[in-house]
C-alpha atoms as a PDB file:
ATOM      1  CA  UNK A   1      -7.668   9.509  -1.931  1.00  0.00           C
ATOM      2  CA  UNK A   2      -5.143   8.830   0.787  1.00  0.00           C
ATOM      3  CA  UNK A   3      -2.405  11.313   1.654  1.00  0.00           C
ATOM      4  CA  UNK A   4       0.055   8.406   1.365  1.00  0.00           C
ATOM      5  CA  UNK A   5       0.683   9.534  -2.243  1.00  0.00           C
ATOM      6  CA  UNK A   6       2.447  12.744  -1.147  1.00  0.00           C
ATOM      7  CA  UNK A   7       5.797  12.336  -2.864  1.00  0.00           C
ATOM      8  CA  UNK A   8       7.415  12.496  -6.262  1.00  0.00           C
ATOM      9  CA  UNK A   9       5.375  14.655  -8.626  1.00  0.00           C
ATOM     10  CA  UNK A  10       2.938  15.291  -5.757  1.00  0.00           C
ATOM     11  CA  UNK A  11       5.634  16.212  -3.244  1.00  0.00           C
ATOM     12  CA  UNK A  12       4.212  19.484  -1.897  1.00  0.00           C
ATOM     13  CA  UNK A  13       0.487  18.858  -2.372  1.00  0.00           C
ATOM     14  CA  UNK A  14      -1.640  18.075   0.672  1.00  0.00           C
ATOM     15  CA  UNK A  15      -4.039  15.572  -0.861  1.00  0.00           C
ATOM     16  CA  UNK A  16      -6.419  15.692   2.089  1.00  0.00           C
ATOM     17  CA  UNK A  17      -6.948  19.406   1.451  1.00  0.00           C
ATOM     18  CA  UNK A  18      -7.069  18.921  -2.313  1.00  0.00           C
ATOM     19  CA  UNK A  19      -9.838  16.337  -1.892  1.00  0.00           C
ATOM     20  CA  UNK A  20     -12.022  18.647   0.235  1.00  0.00           C
ATOM     21  CA  UNK A  21     -11.234  22.253  -0.766  1.00  0.00           C
ATOM     22  CA  UNK A  22     -12.964  22.316  -4.142  1.00  0.00           C
ATOM     23  CA  UNK A  23     -12.517  26.076  -4.490  1.00  0.00           C
ATOM     24  CA  UNK A  24      -8.728  25.638  -4.330  1.00  0.00           C
ATOM     25  CA  UNK A  25      -8.023  22.512  -6.418  1.00  0.00           C
ATOM     26  CA  UNK A  26      -9.332  20.224  -9.104  1.00  0.00           C
ATOM     27  CA  UNK A  27      -8.675  16.726  -7.790  1.00  0.00           C
ATOM     28  CA  UNK A  28      -9.405  13.356  -9.389  1.00  0.00           C
ATOM     29  CA  UNK A  29      -7.993   9.873  -9.032  1.00  0.00           C
ATOM     30  CA  UNK A  30      -8.709   6.270  -8.183  1.00  0.00           C
ATOM     31  CA  UNK A  31      -7.119   3.415  -6.278  1.00  0.00           C
ATOM     32  CA  UNK A  32      -9.647   1.004  -7.836  1.00  0.00           C
ATOM     33  CA  UNK A  33     -11.122  -0.251  -4.584  1.00  0.00           C
ATOM     34  CA  UNK A  34     -14.657   0.083  -5.998  1.00  0.00           C
ATOM     35  CA  UNK A  35     -14.228  -0.979  -9.627  1.00  0.00           C
ATOM     36  CA  UNK A  36     -16.749  -3.534 -10.866  1.00  0.00           C
ATOM     37  CA  UNK A  37     -15.227  -6.961 -11.415  1.00  0.00           C
ATOM     38  CA  UNK A  38     -16.790  -7.657 -14.801  1.00  0.00           C
ATOM     39  CA  UNK A  39     -16.175  -5.869 -18.115  1.00  0.00           C
ATOM     40  CA  UNK A  40     -18.725  -3.124 -18.702  1.00  0.00           C
ATOM     41  CA  UNK A  41     -19.372  -0.120 -20.864  1.00  0.00           C
ATOM     42  CA  UNK A  42     -19.778   1.924 -17.700  1.00  0.00           C
ATOM     43  CA  UNK A  43     -17.935   0.841 -14.585  1.00  0.00           C
ATOM     44  CA  UNK A  44     -16.946   2.771 -11.474  1.00  0.00           C
ATOM     45  CA  UNK A  45     -17.222   6.165 -13.185  1.00  0.00           C
ATOM     46  CA  UNK A  46     -15.340   4.970 -16.296  1.00  0.00           C
ATOM     47  CA  UNK A  47     -16.169   3.997 -19.846  1.00  0.00           C
ATOM     48  CA  UNK A  48     -14.331   1.016 -21.299  1.00  0.00           C
ATOM     49  CA  UNK A  49     -14.150   0.451 -25.045  1.00  0.00           C
ATOM     50  CA  UNK A  50     -12.606  -2.536 -26.703  1.00  0.00           C
ATOM     51  CA  UNK A  51     -11.770  -4.354 -29.894  1.00  0.00           C
ATOM     52  CA  UNK A  52     -12.844  -8.001 -30.032  1.00  0.00           C
ATOM     53  CA  UNK A  53     -12.967  -9.529 -26.534  1.00  0.00           C
ATOM     54  CA  UNK A  54     -10.529  -7.447 -24.503  1.00  0.00           C
ATOM     55  CA  UNK A  55     -11.443  -7.444 -20.812  1.00  0.00           C
ATOM     56  CA  UNK A  56     -11.142  -5.272 -17.736  1.00  0.00           C
ATOM     57  CA  UNK A  57     -10.966  -7.003 -14.375  1.00  0.00           C
ATOM     58  CA  UNK A  58     -10.188  -6.125 -10.783  1.00  0.00           C
ATOM     59  CA  UNK A  59      -7.372  -8.038  -9.100  1.00  0.00           C
ATOM     60  CA  UNK A  60      -6.664  -8.263  -5.375  1.00  0.00           C
ATOM     61  CA  UNK A  61      -3.230  -7.073  -4.330  1.00  0.00           C
ATOM     62  CA  UNK A  62      -1.962  -6.289  -0.864  1.00  0.00           C
ATOM     63  CA  UNK A  63      -2.537  -3.787   0.618  1.00  0.00           C
ATOM     64  CA  UNK A  64      -5.295  -2.849  -1.854  1.00  0.00           C
ATOM     65  CA  UNK A  65      -6.613  -3.548  -5.318  1.00  0.00           C
ATOM     66  CA  UNK A  66      -5.722  -2.831  -8.939  1.00  0.00           C
ATOM     67  CA  UNK A  67      -7.518  -2.950 -12.252  1.00  0.00           C
ATOM     68  CA  UNK A  68      -6.215  -5.014 -15.172  1.00  0.00           C
ATOM     69  CA  UNK A  69      -6.629  -4.024 -18.811  1.00  0.00           C
ATOM     70  CA  UNK A  70      -6.152  -7.125 -20.955  1.00  0.00           C
ATOM     71  CA  UNK A  71      -6.365  -7.763 -24.683  1.00  0.00           C
ATOM     72  CA  UNK A  72      -7.382 -11.109 -26.071  1.00  0.00           C
ATOM     73  CA  UNK A  73      -5.122 -13.247 -28.247  1.00  0.00           C
ATOM     74  CA  UNK A  74      -6.071 -11.521 -31.502  1.00  0.00           C
ATOM     75  CA  UNK A  75      -3.479  -9.388 -33.287  1.00  0.00           C
ATOM     76  CA  UNK A  76      -4.200  -5.631 -32.878  1.00  0.00           C
ATOM     77  CA  UNK A  77      -6.764  -6.185 -30.129  1.00  0.00           C
ATOM     78  CA  UNK A  78      -6.933  -3.260 -27.708  1.00  0.00           C
ATOM     79  CA  UNK A  79      -8.684  -1.906 -24.619  1.00  0.00           C
ATOM     80  CA  UNK A  80      -9.185   1.712 -23.580  1.00  0.00           C
ATOM     81  CA  UNK A  81     -10.429   2.968 -20.204  1.00  0.00           C
ATOM     82  CA  UNK A  82     -11.441   6.589 -19.635  1.00  0.00           C
ATOM     83  CA  UNK A  83     -13.606   8.754 -17.373  1.00  0.00           C
ATOM     84  CA  UNK A  84     -17.272   9.116 -18.249  1.00  0.00           C
ATOM     85  CA  UNK A  85     -17.330  12.900 -18.571  1.00  0.00           C
ATOM     86  CA  UNK A  86     -17.420  14.178 -22.136  1.00  0.00           C
ATOM     87  CA  UNK A  87     -15.267  17.231 -21.378  1.00  0.00           C
ATOM     88  CA  UNK A  88     -12.292  16.912 -19.080  1.00  0.00           C
ATOM     89  CA  UNK A  89     -11.504  18.891 -15.970  1.00  0.00           C
ATOM     90  CA  UNK A  90      -7.786  19.351 -16.557  1.00  0.00           C
ATOM     91  CA  UNK A  91      -5.890  21.697 -18.815  1.00  0.00           C
ATOM     92  CA  UNK A  92      -2.224  22.652 -18.878  1.00  0.00           C
ATOM     93  CA  UNK A  93      -2.078  26.197 -20.192  1.00  0.00           C
ATOM     94  CA  UNK A  94       1.349  27.740 -20.701  1.00  0.00           C
ATOM     95  CA  UNK A  95       1.967  30.749 -18.392  1.00  0.00           C
ATOM     96  CA  UNK A  96      -1.429  30.306 -16.699  1.00  0.00           C
ATOM     97  CA  UNK A  97      -0.030  29.771 -13.213  1.00  0.00           C
ATOM     98  CA  UNK A  98      -2.211  26.675 -12.847  1.00  0.00           C
ATOM     99  CA  UNK A  99       0.201  24.036 -11.568  1.00  0.00           C
ATOM    100  CA  UNK A 100      -0.683  20.398 -12.181  1.00  0.00           C
ATOM    101  CA  UNK A 101       0.661  17.091 -10.888  1.00  0.00           C
ATOM    102  CA  UNK A 102      -0.149  13.584 -12.182  1.00  0.00           C
ATOM    103  CA  UNK A 103       0.943  10.211 -10.892  1.00  0.00           C
ATOM    104  CA  UNK A 104       0.115   6.569 -11.689  1.00  0.00           C
ATOM    105  CA  UNK A 105       1.494   3.252 -10.486  1.00  0.00           C
ATOM    106  CA  UNK A 106       1.566   0.791 -13.388  1.00  0.00           C
ATOM    107  CA  UNK A 107       2.800  -2.693 -14.161  1.00  0.00           C
ATOM    108  CA  UNK A 108       3.208  -4.069 -17.699  1.00  0.00           C
ATOM    109  CA  UNK A 109       3.068  -7.839 -17.803  1.00  0.00           C
ATOM    110  CA  UNK A 110       4.327  -8.564 -21.306  1.00  0.00           C
ATOM    111  CA  UNK A 111       7.596  -7.287 -22.750  1.00  0.00           C
ATOM    112  CA  UNK A 112       7.131  -7.853 -26.491  1.00  0.00           C
ATOM    113  CA  UNK A 113       4.832  -6.269 -29.079  1.00  0.00           C
ATOM    114  CA  UNK A 114       3.004  -4.178 -26.492  1.00  0.00           C
ATOM    115  CA  UNK A 115       1.806  -0.626 -27.134  1.00  0.00           C
ATOM    116  CA  UNK A 116       0.320   1.442 -24.318  1.00  0.00           C
ATOM    117  CA  UNK A 117      -0.605   4.919 -23.134  1.00  0.00           C
ATOM    118  CA  UNK A 118      -1.580   6.280 -19.737  1.00  0.00           C
ATOM    119  CA  UNK A 119      -1.978   9.925 -18.823  1.00  0.00           C
ATOM    120  CA  UNK A 120      -4.241  12.758 -20.006  1.00  0.00           C
ATOM    121  CA  UNK A 121      -5.795  12.976 -23.479  1.00  0.00           C
ATOM    122  CA  UNK A 122      -8.584  14.824 -25.259  1.00  0.00           C
ATOM    123  CA  UNK A 123     -11.851  12.906 -25.080  1.00  0.00           C
ATOM    124  CA  UNK A 124     -13.186  11.001 -28.028  1.00  0.00           C
ATOM    125  CA  UNK A 125     -10.600   8.653 -29.586  1.00  0.00           C
ATOM    126  CA  UNK A 126     -11.835   5.219 -30.490  1.00  0.00           C
ATOM    127  CA  UNK A 127      -9.878   2.430 -28.861  1.00  0.00           C
ATOM    128  CA  UNK A 128      -8.385   1.338 -32.162  1.00  0.00           C
ATOM    129  CA  UNK A 129      -7.233   4.881 -33.006  1.00  0.00           C
ATOM    130  CA  UNK A 130      -5.323   6.063 -29.933  1.00  0.00           C
ATOM    131  CA  UNK A 131      -2.458   3.631 -30.605  1.00  0.00           C
ATOM    132  CA  UNK A 132      -1.623   3.039 -34.263  1.00  0.00           C
ATOM    133  CA  UNK A 133      -1.665  -0.364 -35.944  1.00  0.00           C
ATOM    134  CA  UNK A 134       1.601  -2.345 -35.638  1.00  0.00           C
ATOM    135  CA  UNK A 135       3.701   0.628 -34.462  1.00  0.00           C
ATOM    136  CA  UNK A 136       1.819   1.821 -31.395  1.00  0.00           C
ATOM    137  CA  UNK A 137       2.571   5.435 -32.374  1.00  0.00           C
ATOM    138  CA  UNK A 138       0.066   7.805 -30.763  1.00  0.00           C
ATOM    139  CA  UNK A 139      -2.830   8.885 -32.944  1.00  0.00           C
ATOM    140  CA  UNK A 140      -3.485  12.545 -33.755  1.00  0.00           C
ATOM    141  CA  UNK A 141      -4.776  13.762 -30.389  1.00  0.00           C
ATOM    142  CA  UNK A 142      -3.726  16.236 -27.699  1.00  0.00           C
ATOM    143  CA  UNK A 143      -1.941  14.203 -25.007  1.00  0.00           C
ATOM    144  CA  UNK A 144       0.461  14.366 -22.107  1.00  0.00           C
ATOM    145  CA  UNK A 145       1.493  11.188 -20.370  1.00  0.00           C
ATOM    146  CA  UNK A 146       3.395   7.934 -20.772  1.00  0.00           C
ATOM    147  CA  UNK A 147       3.713   5.927 -23.948  1.00  0.00           C
ATOM    148  CA  UNK A 148       5.239   2.701 -25.253  1.00  0.00           C
ATOM    149  CA  UNK A 149       5.595   1.702 -28.888  1.00  0.00           C
ATOM    150  CA  UNK A 150       5.071  -1.824 -30.138  1.00  0.00           C
ATOM    151  CA  UNK A 151       8.538  -3.387 -30.138  1.00  0.00           C
ATOM    152  CA  UNK A 152      10.088  -6.702 -31.061  1.00  0.00           C
ATOM    153  CA  UNK A 153      11.882  -7.320 -27.782  1.00  0.00           C
ATOM    154  CA  UNK A 154      10.839  -4.951 -24.981  1.00  0.00           C
ATOM    155  CA  UNK A 155       8.482  -2.322 -23.658  1.00  0.00           C
ATOM    156  CA  UNK A 156      10.196   1.079 -23.391  1.00  0.00           C
ATOM    157  CA  UNK A 157       8.079   3.686 -21.609  1.00  0.00           C
ATOM    158  CA  UNK A 158       8.686   7.360 -22.402  1.00  0.00           C
ATOM    159  CA  UNK A 159       7.187  10.536 -20.999  1.00  0.00           C
ATOM    160  CA  UNK A 160       5.593  12.312 -23.974  1.00  0.00           C
ATOM    161  CA  UNK A 161       3.425  15.218 -25.114  1.00  0.00           C
ATOM    162  CA  UNK A 162       1.629  15.763 -28.406  1.00  0.00           C
ATOM    163  CA  UNK A 163      -0.475  18.504 -29.965  1.00  0.00           C
ATOM    164  CA  UNK A 164      -3.243  17.846 -32.481  1.00  0.00           C
ATOM    165  CA  UNK A 165      -1.670  17.995 -35.925  1.00  0.00           C
ATOM    166  CA  UNK A 166       1.869  17.751 -34.566  1.00  0.00           C
ATOM    167  CA  UNK A 167       4.471  15.115 -33.801  1.00  0.00           C
ATOM    168  CA  UNK A 168       4.980  13.332 -30.493  1.00  0.00           C
ATOM    169  CA  UNK A 169       7.490  15.171 -28.279  1.00  0.00           C
ATOM    170  CA  UNK A 170       9.593  13.050 -25.911  1.00  0.00           C
ATOM    171  CA  UNK A 171      10.157  14.775 -22.593  1.00  0.00           C
ATOM    172  CA  UNK A 172      11.631  11.785 -20.739  1.00  0.00           C
ATOM    173  CA  UNK A 173      13.253   9.107 -22.887  1.00  0.00           C
ATOM    174  CA  UNK A 174      13.259   5.420 -21.870  1.00  0.00           C
ATOM    175  CA  UNK A 175      12.088   5.925 -18.299  1.00  0.00           C
ATOM    176  CA  UNK A 176      11.773   2.147 -17.974  1.00  0.00           C
ATOM    177  CA  UNK A 177      12.479  -0.767 -20.309  1.00  0.00           C
ATOM    178  CA  UNK A 178      12.152  -4.546 -20.107  1.00  0.00           C
ATOM    179  CA  UNK A 179      10.771  -4.239 -16.570  1.00  0.00           C
ATOM    180  CA  UNK A 180       8.007  -6.772 -16.851  1.00  0.00           C
ATOM    181  CA  UNK A 181       5.901  -7.815 -13.872  1.00  0.00           C
ATOM    182  CA  UNK A 182       7.210  -4.921 -11.780  1.00  0.00           C
ATOM    183  CA  UNK A 183       5.203  -1.943 -10.567  1.00  0.00           C
ATOM    184  CA  UNK A 184       6.710   1.473 -11.265  1.00  0.00           C
ATOM    185  CA  UNK A 185       5.388   4.887 -10.301  1.00  0.00           C
ATOM    186  CA  UNK A 186       5.317   7.404 -13.158  1.00  0.00           C
ATOM    187  CA  UNK A 187       4.565  11.080 -12.670  1.00  0.00           C
ATOM    188  CA  UNK A 188       4.752  14.490 -14.270  1.00  0.00           C
ATOM    189  CA  UNK A 189       4.498  17.977 -12.826  1.00  0.00           C
ATOM    190  CA  UNK A 190       3.689  21.205 -14.701  1.00  0.00           C
ATOM    191  CA  UNK A 191       5.029  24.354 -13.055  1.00  0.00           C
ATOM    192  CA  UNK A 192       2.255  26.658 -14.287  1.00  0.00           C
ATOM    193  CA  UNK A 193       4.593  28.382 -16.732  1.00  0.00           C
ATOM    194  CA  UNK A 194       6.602  26.502 -19.365  1.00  0.00           C
ATOM    195  CA  UNK A 195       8.219  23.428 -17.813  1.00  0.00           C
ATOM    196  CA  UNK A 196       7.260  19.831 -17.076  1.00  0.00           C
ATOM    197  CA  UNK A 197       9.220  17.666 -14.672  1.00  0.00           C
ATOM    198  CA  UNK A 198       9.063  13.909 -15.222  1.00  0.00           C
ATOM    199  CA  UNK A 199       9.321  11.487 -12.282  1.00  0.00           C
ATOM    200  CA  UNK A 200      10.046   7.772 -11.995  1.00  0.00           C
ATOM    201  CA  UNK A 201       9.509   6.092  -8.619  1.00  0.00           C
ATOM    202  CA  UNK A 202       9.357   9.512  -6.946  1.00  0.00           C
ATOM    203  CA  UNK A 203      12.668  10.735  -8.395  1.00  0.00           C
ATOM    204  CA  UNK A 204      12.876  13.436 -11.067  1.00  0.00           C
ATOM    205  CA  UNK A 205      14.450  12.050 -14.247  1.00  0.00           C
ATOM    206  CA  UNK A 206      13.989  14.857 -16.802  1.00  0.00           C
ATOM    207  CA  UNK A 207      12.854  18.447 -17.312  1.00  0.00           C
ATOM    208  CA  UNK A 208      11.074  19.493 -20.500  1.00  0.00           C
ATOM    209  CA  UNK A 209      10.629  23.087 -21.671  1.00  0.00           C
ATOM    210  CA  UNK A 210       7.297  23.360 -23.502  1.00  0.00           C
ATOM    211  CA  UNK A 211       6.210  25.801 -26.207  1.00  0.00           C
ATOM    212  CA  UNK A 212       2.756  26.466 -27.617  1.00  0.00           C
ATOM    213  CA  UNK A 213       3.682  25.316 -31.133  1.00  0.00           C
ATOM    214  CA  UNK A 214       4.194  21.700 -30.035  1.00  0.00           C
ATOM    215  CA  UNK A 215       2.210  21.454 -26.763  1.00  0.00           C
ATOM    216  CA  UNK A 216      -1.583  21.125 -26.168  1.00  0.00           C
ATOM    217  CA  UNK A 217      -1.826  24.351 -24.182  1.00  0.00           C
ATOM    218  CA  UNK A 218      -5.337  25.268 -23.038  1.00  0.00           C
ATOM    219  CA  UNK A 219      -6.965  21.986 -24.084  1.00  0.00           C
ATOM    220  CA  UNK A 220      -9.382  20.045 -21.870  1.00  0.00           C
ATOM    221  CA  UNK A 221      -7.882  16.639 -21.059  1.00  0.00           C
ATOM    222  CA  UNK A 222      -9.210  13.578 -19.268  1.00  0.00           C
ATOM    223  CA  UNK A 223      -7.444  10.521 -17.809  1.00  0.00           C
ATOM    224  CA  UNK A 224      -7.013   7.702 -20.279  1.00  0.00           C
ATOM    225  CA  UNK A 225      -5.425   4.245 -20.202  1.00  0.00           C
ATOM    226  CA  UNK A 226      -4.947   1.983 -23.212  1.00  0.00           C
ATOM    227  CA  UNK A 227      -3.082  -1.182 -24.202  1.00  0.00           C
ATOM    228  CA  UNK A 228      -2.795  -2.821 -27.635  1.00  0.00           C
ATOM    229  CA  UNK A 229      -1.183  -6.039 -28.801  1.00  0.00           C
ATOM    230  CA  UNK A 230       0.939  -6.216 -31.944  1.00  0.00           C
ATOM    231  CA  UNK A 231       0.762  -9.997 -32.196  1.00  0.00           C
ATOM    232  CA  UNK A 232      -1.679 -12.830 -31.555  1.00  0.00           C
ATOM    233  CA  UNK A 233      -0.845 -12.995 -27.838  1.00  0.00           C
ATOM    234  CA  UNK A 234      -2.705 -11.726 -24.766  1.00  0.00           C
ATOM    235  CA  UNK A 235      -1.176  -8.523 -23.339  1.00  0.00           C
ATOM    236  CA  UNK A 236      -2.067  -6.783 -20.093  1.00  0.00           C
ATOM    237  CA  UNK A 237      -1.265  -3.836 -17.850  1.00  0.00           C
ATOM    238  CA  UNK A 238      -2.242  -3.319 -14.220  1.00  0.00           C
ATOM    239  CA  UNK A 239      -3.132   0.049 -12.671  1.00  0.00           C
ATOM    240  CA  UNK A 240      -2.644   0.261  -8.921  1.00  0.00           C
ATOM    241  CA  UNK A 241      -3.750   3.892  -8.704  1.00  0.00           C
ATOM    242  CA  UNK A 242      -3.737   7.194 -10.546  1.00  0.00           C
ATOM    243  CA  UNK A 243      -4.192  10.739  -9.274  1.00  0.00           C
ATOM    244  CA  UNK A 244      -4.190  14.217 -10.796  1.00  0.00           C
ATOM    245  CA  UNK A 245      -4.338  17.522  -8.869  1.00  0.00           C
ATOM    246  CA  UNK A 246      -4.463  21.033 -10.345  1.00  0.00           C
ATOM    247  CA  UNK A 247      -4.399  24.450  -8.681  1.00  0.00           C
ATOM    248  CA  UNK A 248      -7.317  26.820  -9.198  1.00  0.00           C
ATOM    249  CA  UNK A 249      -6.609  30.523  -9.446  1.00  0.00           C
ATOM    250  CA  UNK A 250      -8.771  33.252  -7.929  1.00  0.00           C
ATOM    251  CA  UNK A 251     -10.502  33.846 -11.282  1.00  0.00           C
ATOM    252  CA  UNK A 252     -11.433  30.157 -11.525  1.00  0.00           C
ATOM    253  CA  UNK A 253     -13.272  30.007  -8.224  1.00  0.00           C
ATOM    254  CA  UNK A 254     -16.984  30.553  -7.718  1.00  0.00           C
ATOM    255  CA  UNK A 255     -18.091  33.828  -6.108  1.00  0.00           C
END
């Protein structure tokens, strides 16, 4: 990944080092330059799952590319894109000292009856289960990322966390709303202790104190992206890039 992403949630991380010093960092991300153009169960290191005829396509944008997740025109149709690995590389453990930064540049093309999630989630949810029918409320999974409920008039994107068996916690309320057809950069940063900072377009917008009772501390999480329509209309979201970098401690490194 290019070091051009060094800002916002990633402001003090040298991505060139993170991409090469595997004993110091866990680093994963994609700017979708190599994604296959056609829908596939396995594409560019990802697995895509869908309801009905949702599609995943690659779209040319200057100066690079992006991937589009698009439902069909059937009510409750959905598409989910996730990494192929069964167990994720990332965990955010309270008081571990393992700092983590995540960033994604996303554009939502439809402003009504659109539910979505992008961020980190435990592996395994079926596409129809991650976002609930009609409401878009997150299903019962461990997550940290960005979420929009199905709404009658607009897409409101919040920064959220959730623990299995618990309720969704809002760390950054209404980061964007009604901003259709515009790219925004969303990010979060865990300080290795008990706080998450939430970023919009490289500016911090909220700080969230986390506690083990309501936060998925110590869980393995993988990148996940999903969109679901709450009406019989095609909905889509575009991903320009995503990146996640986590510190390794001395005890994590190979001898």
